C-alpha atoms as a PDB file:
ATOM      1  CA  PRO A   1    -118.107  63.707 -45.403  1.00  0.00           C
ATOM      2  CA  LEU A   2    -121.602  64.410 -46.573  1.00  0.00           C
ATOM      3  CA  GLU A   3    -123.502  61.339 -45.289  1.00  0.00           C
ATOM      4  CA  VAL A   4    -121.189  62.453 -42.071  1.00  0.00           C
ATOM      5  CA  LYS A   5    -122.714  65.886 -41.935  1.00  0.00           C
ATOM      6  CA  MET A   6    -126.048  64.608 -42.361  1.00  0.00           C
ATOM      7  CA  VAL A   7    -126.128  62.337 -39.414  1.00  0.00           C
ATOM      8  CA  GLY A   8    -124.493  65.374 -37.239  1.00  0.00           C
ATOM      9  CA  VAL A   9    -127.564  67.210 -38.432  1.00  0.00           C
ATOM     10  CA  LEU A  10    -129.765  64.628 -37.136  1.00  0.00           C
ATOM     11  CA  VAL A  11    -127.786  64.262 -33.835  1.00  0.00           C
ATOM     12  CA  LYS A  12    -127.521  67.494 -32.599  1.00  0.00           C
ATOM     13  CA  PRO A  13    -130.929  68.391 -31.339  1.00  0.00           C
ATOM     14  CA  LEU A  14    -130.100  65.267 -29.041  1.00  0.00           C
ATOM     15  CA  GLY A  15    -127.755  67.115 -27.247  1.00  0.00           C
ATOM     16  CA  ILE A  16    -124.802  65.233 -29.213  1.00  0.00           C
ATOM     17  CA  ASN A  17    -121.638  67.554 -29.855  1.00  0.00           C
ATOM     18  CA  TYR A  18    -119.923  66.334 -32.957  1.00  0.00           C
ATOM     19  CA  LEU A  19    -117.421  67.706 -35.120  1.00  0.00           C
ATOM     20  CA  ALA A  20    -117.329  66.466 -39.048  1.00  0.00           C
ATOM     21  CA  HIS A  21    -114.031  65.138 -40.380  1.00  0.00           C
ATOM     22  CA  GLN A  22    -112.761  64.060 -43.732  1.00  0.00           C
ATOM     23  CA  ASN A  23    -113.182  60.254 -42.737  1.00  0.00           C
ATOM     24  CA  GLY A  24    -115.762  60.212 -39.680  1.00  0.00           C
ATOM     25  CA  MET A  25    -116.777  62.495 -36.655  1.00  0.00           C
ATOM     26  CA  THR A  26    -115.779  63.285 -33.382  1.00  0.00           C
ATOM     27  CA  ILE A  27    -118.860  62.690 -30.846  1.00  0.00           C
ATOM     28  CA  ASN A  28    -118.617  64.135 -27.649  1.00  0.00           C
ATOM     29  CA  GLY A  29    -115.108  63.932 -27.623  1.00  0.00           C
ATOM     30  CA  THR A  30    -114.817  60.618 -29.410  1.00  0.00           C
ATOM     31  CA  TYR A  31    -113.418  59.764 -32.830  1.00  0.00           C
ATOM     32  CA  ALA A  32    -115.534  57.592 -35.231  1.00  0.00           C
ATOM     33  CA  GLY A  33    -114.100  56.506 -38.324  1.00  0.00           C
ATOM     34  CA  MET A  34    -116.682  56.513 -41.318  1.00  0.00           C
ATOM     35  CA  THR A  35    -115.510  55.025 -44.768  1.00  0.00           C
ATOM     36  CA  TRP A  36    -116.896  54.449 -47.942  1.00  0.00           C
ATOM     37  CA  ASN A  37    -118.078  50.922 -46.744  1.00  0.00           C
ATOM     38  CA  CYS A  38    -120.296  52.474 -43.501  1.00  0.00           C
ATOM     39  CA  ILE A  39    -122.162  54.646 -46.362  1.00  0.00           C
ATOM     40  CA  GLY A  40    -124.819  51.627 -46.472  1.00  0.00           C
ATOM     41  CA  TRP A  41    -123.569  49.789 -50.028  1.00  0.00           C
ATOM     42  CA  GLN A  42    -124.549  46.552 -48.924  1.00  0.00           C
ATOM     43  CA  SER A  43    -127.804  47.656 -48.286  1.00  0.00           C
ATOM     44  CA  LEU A  44    -128.666  49.254 -51.870  1.00  0.00           C
ATOM     45  CA  LEU A  45    -126.923  45.702 -53.470  1.00  0.00           C
ATOM     46  CA  LEU A  46    -129.559  44.126 -51.289  1.00  0.00           C
ATOM     47  CA  LEU A  47    -132.526  46.187 -52.258  1.00  0.00           C
ATOM     48  CA  VAL A  48    -131.616  45.778 -56.140  1.00  0.00           C
ATOM     49  CA  ILE A  49    -131.399  42.217 -55.737  1.00  0.00           C
ATOM     50  CA  THR A  50    -134.947  41.971 -54.132  1.00  0.00           C
ATOM     51  CA  LEU A  51    -135.930  44.483 -56.872  1.00  0.00           C
ATOM     52  CA  ILE A  52    -135.154  42.281 -59.708  1.00  0.00           C
ATOM     53  CA  VAL A  53    -136.427  39.104 -58.113  1.00  0.00           C
ATOM     54  CA  GLY A  54    -139.783  41.160 -56.457  1.00  0.00           C
ATOM     55  CA  LEU A  55    -140.685  43.463 -59.888  1.00  0.00           C
ATOM     56  CA  ARG A  56    -140.695  40.043 -61.928  1.00  0.00           C
ATOM     57  CA  GLY A  57    -144.609  40.147 -61.852  1.00  0.00           C
ATOM     58  CA  ASN A  58    -146.746  41.386 -64.224  1.00  0.00           C
ATOM     59  CA  TYR A  59    -147.339  44.953 -62.628  1.00  0.00           C
ATOM     60  CA  THR A  60    -147.621  48.442 -63.977  1.00  0.00           C
ATOM     61  CA  LEU A  61    -144.272  50.226 -65.044  1.00  0.00           C
ATOM     62  CA  ALA A  62    -145.634  53.537 -63.036  1.00  0.00           C
ATOM     63  CA  SER A  63    -145.799  51.197 -59.833  1.00  0.00           C
ATOM     64  CA  LYS A  64    -142.736  49.565 -60.539  1.00  0.00           C
ATOM     65  CA  ILE A  65    -140.766  53.110 -61.141  1.00  0.00           C
ATOM     66  CA  GLU A  66    -142.586  54.213 -58.207  1.00  0.00           C
ATOM     67  CA  THR A  67    -141.715  51.154 -56.183  1.00  0.00           C
ATOM     68  CA  VAL A  68    -137.937  51.366 -57.079  1.00  0.00           C
ATOM     69  CA  LEU A  69    -138.119  55.279 -55.911  1.00  0.00           C
ATOM     70  CA  ILE A  70    -139.826  54.167 -52.569  1.00  0.00           C
ATOM     71  CA  GLY A  71    -136.961  51.497 -51.998  1.00  0.00           C
ATOM     72  CA  LEU A  72    -134.336  53.748 -52.708  1.00  0.00           C
ATOM     73  CA  LEU A  73    -135.538  56.633 -50.483  1.00  0.00           C
ATOM     74  CA  GLY A  74    -136.262  54.149 -47.776  1.00  0.00           C
ATOM     75  CA  THR A  75    -132.907  52.509 -48.052  1.00  0.00           C
ATOM     76  CA  PHE A  76    -131.248  56.015 -47.858  1.00  0.00           C
ATOM     77  CA  LEU A  77    -133.054  57.116 -44.879  1.00  0.00           C
ATOM     78  CA  VAL A  78    -132.640  53.707 -43.103  1.00  0.00           C
ATOM     79  CA  ASN A  79    -129.084  54.043 -43.262  1.00  0.00           C
ATOM     80  CA  LEU A  80    -128.916  57.518 -42.019  1.00  0.00           C
ATOM     81  CA  LEU A  81    -131.043  55.985 -39.276  1.00  0.00           C
ATOM     82  CA  ARG A  82    -128.469  53.104 -38.887  1.00  0.00           C
ATOM     83  CA  LEU A  83    -125.616  55.589 -38.815  1.00  0.00           C
ATOM     84  CA  THR A  84    -127.187  58.304 -35.995  1.00  0.00           C
ATOM     85  CA  LEU A  85    -127.949  54.800 -34.036  1.00  0.00           C
ATOM     86  CA  ILE A  86    -124.500  54.191 -33.665  1.00  0.00           C
ATOM     87  CA  VAL A  87    -123.292  58.161 -32.956  1.00  0.00           C
ATOM     88  CA  VAL A  88    -126.412  57.783 -30.199  1.00  0.00           C
ATOM     89  CA  ILE A  89    -125.056  55.077 -28.666  1.00  0.00           C
ATOM     90  CA  LEU A  90    -121.258  55.908 -29.024  1.00  0.00           C
ATOM     91  CA  ALA A  91    -122.364  59.272 -27.542  1.00  0.00           C
ATOM     92  CA  TYR A  92    -124.479  57.862 -24.646  1.00  0.00           C
ATOM     93  CA  SER A  93    -123.113  54.254 -23.737  1.00  0.00           C
ATOM     94  CA  ARG A  94    -119.332  52.477 -24.146  1.00  0.00           C
ATOM     95  CA  PRO A  95    -117.904  52.682 -27.461  1.00  0.00           C
ATOM     96  CA  LEU A  96    -117.917  48.386 -27.194  1.00  0.00           C
ATOM     97  CA  PHE A  97    -122.121  48.853 -27.350  1.00  0.00           C
ATOM     98  CA  ALA A  98    -121.672  50.758 -30.441  1.00  0.00           C
ATOM     99  CA  VAL A  99    -119.488  48.442 -32.224  1.00  0.00           C
ATOM    100  CA  VAL A 100    -121.670  45.226 -31.664  1.00  0.00           C
ATOM    101  CA  TYR A 101    -124.821  47.136 -32.763  1.00  0.00           C
ATOM    102  CA  HIS A 102    -122.504  48.636 -35.865  1.00  0.00           C
ATOM    103  CA  ASP A 103    -121.287  44.999 -36.760  1.00  0.00           C
ATOM    104  CA  TYR A 104    -123.956  42.736 -35.813  1.00  0.00           C
ATOM    105  CA  LEU A 105    -127.458  44.252 -35.314  1.00  0.00           C
ATOM    106  CA  ALA A 106    -127.220  47.070 -38.220  1.00  0.00           C
ATOM    107  CA  ALA A 107    -127.759  44.219 -41.078  1.00  0.00           C
ATOM    108  CA  ILE A 108    -130.657  43.120 -39.124  1.00  0.00           C
ATOM    109  CA  VAL A 109    -132.447  47.068 -39.423  1.00  0.00           C
ATOM    110  CA  THR A 110    -131.852  46.398 -43.158  1.00  0.00           C
ATOM    111  CA  ILE A 111    -133.185  43.190 -43.263  1.00  0.00           C
ATOM    112  CA  LEU A 112    -136.339  44.743 -41.276  1.00  0.00           C
ATOM    113  CA  TRP A 113    -136.347  47.469 -43.430  1.00  0.00           C
ATOM    114  CA  LEU A 114    -136.463  45.660 -46.604  1.00  0.00           C
ATOM    115  CA  PHE A 115    -139.454  43.259 -45.064  1.00  0.00           C
ATOM    116  CA  VAL A 116    -141.568  46.323 -44.371  1.00  0.00           C
ATOM    117  CA  PHE A 117    -140.942  47.596 -47.999  1.00  0.00           C
ATOM    118  CA  TRP A 118    -141.956  44.824 -49.580  1.00  0.00           C
ATOM    119  CA  TRP A 119    -145.003  44.200 -47.796  1.00  0.00           C
ATOM    120  CA  PHE A 120    -145.826  47.790 -48.275  1.00  0.00           C
ATOM    121  CA  ALA A 121    -144.942  47.977 -52.206  1.00  0.00           C
ATOM    122  CA  TYR A 122    -147.311  44.698 -52.715  1.00  0.00           C
ATOM    123  CA  SER A 123    -149.822  46.108 -50.390  1.00  0.00           C
ATOM    124  CA  PHE A 124    -150.146  49.221 -51.554  1.00  0.00           C
ATOM    125  CA  VAL A 125    -147.943  50.442 -54.431  1.00  0.00           C
ATOM    126  CA  LEU A 126    -147.731  47.766 -57.175  1.00  0.00           C
ATOM    127  CA  LEU A 127    -150.515  47.803 -59.348  1.00  0.00           C
ATOM    128  CA  PRO A 128    -151.492  44.589 -61.576  1.00  0.00           C
ATOM    129  CA  LYS A 129    -151.685  45.219 -65.642  1.00  0.00           C
ATOM    130  CA  GLU A 130    -154.874  45.586 -67.097  1.00  0.00           C
ATOM    131  CA  GLN A 131    -155.962  41.728 -68.976  1.00  0.00           C
ATOM    132  CA  GLY A 132    -156.779  42.066 -72.301  1.00  0.00           C
ATOM    133  CA  SER A 133    -160.027  40.545 -73.522  1.00  0.00           C
END
């Protein structure tokens, strides 16, 4: 319900009428169910797997922590964006297009996010540890 309300706040300025329910929302008169499976646990799992692999290098603890925090925040925001896009498609197009995006293209958004995240982390965030002489 909390994430439904967050998506509702994001679509309200776009002129989309929504009504939050316990298990979803009504968008311009069309009901869209939202279950625990929609909140992005798969994205979080992919992030954790990439963090386990990506942080194996010899980096400072502070830069590793910063990378984890950026990854968590970014993944949360990408999931909100993903859900918001589904609502916008549902509001302005046929429900079939929202279903196709939800079922097939939304995963690509997460994968693209992870590519951008790791490029950013390796380019600007992760700092190698100082080597002792």
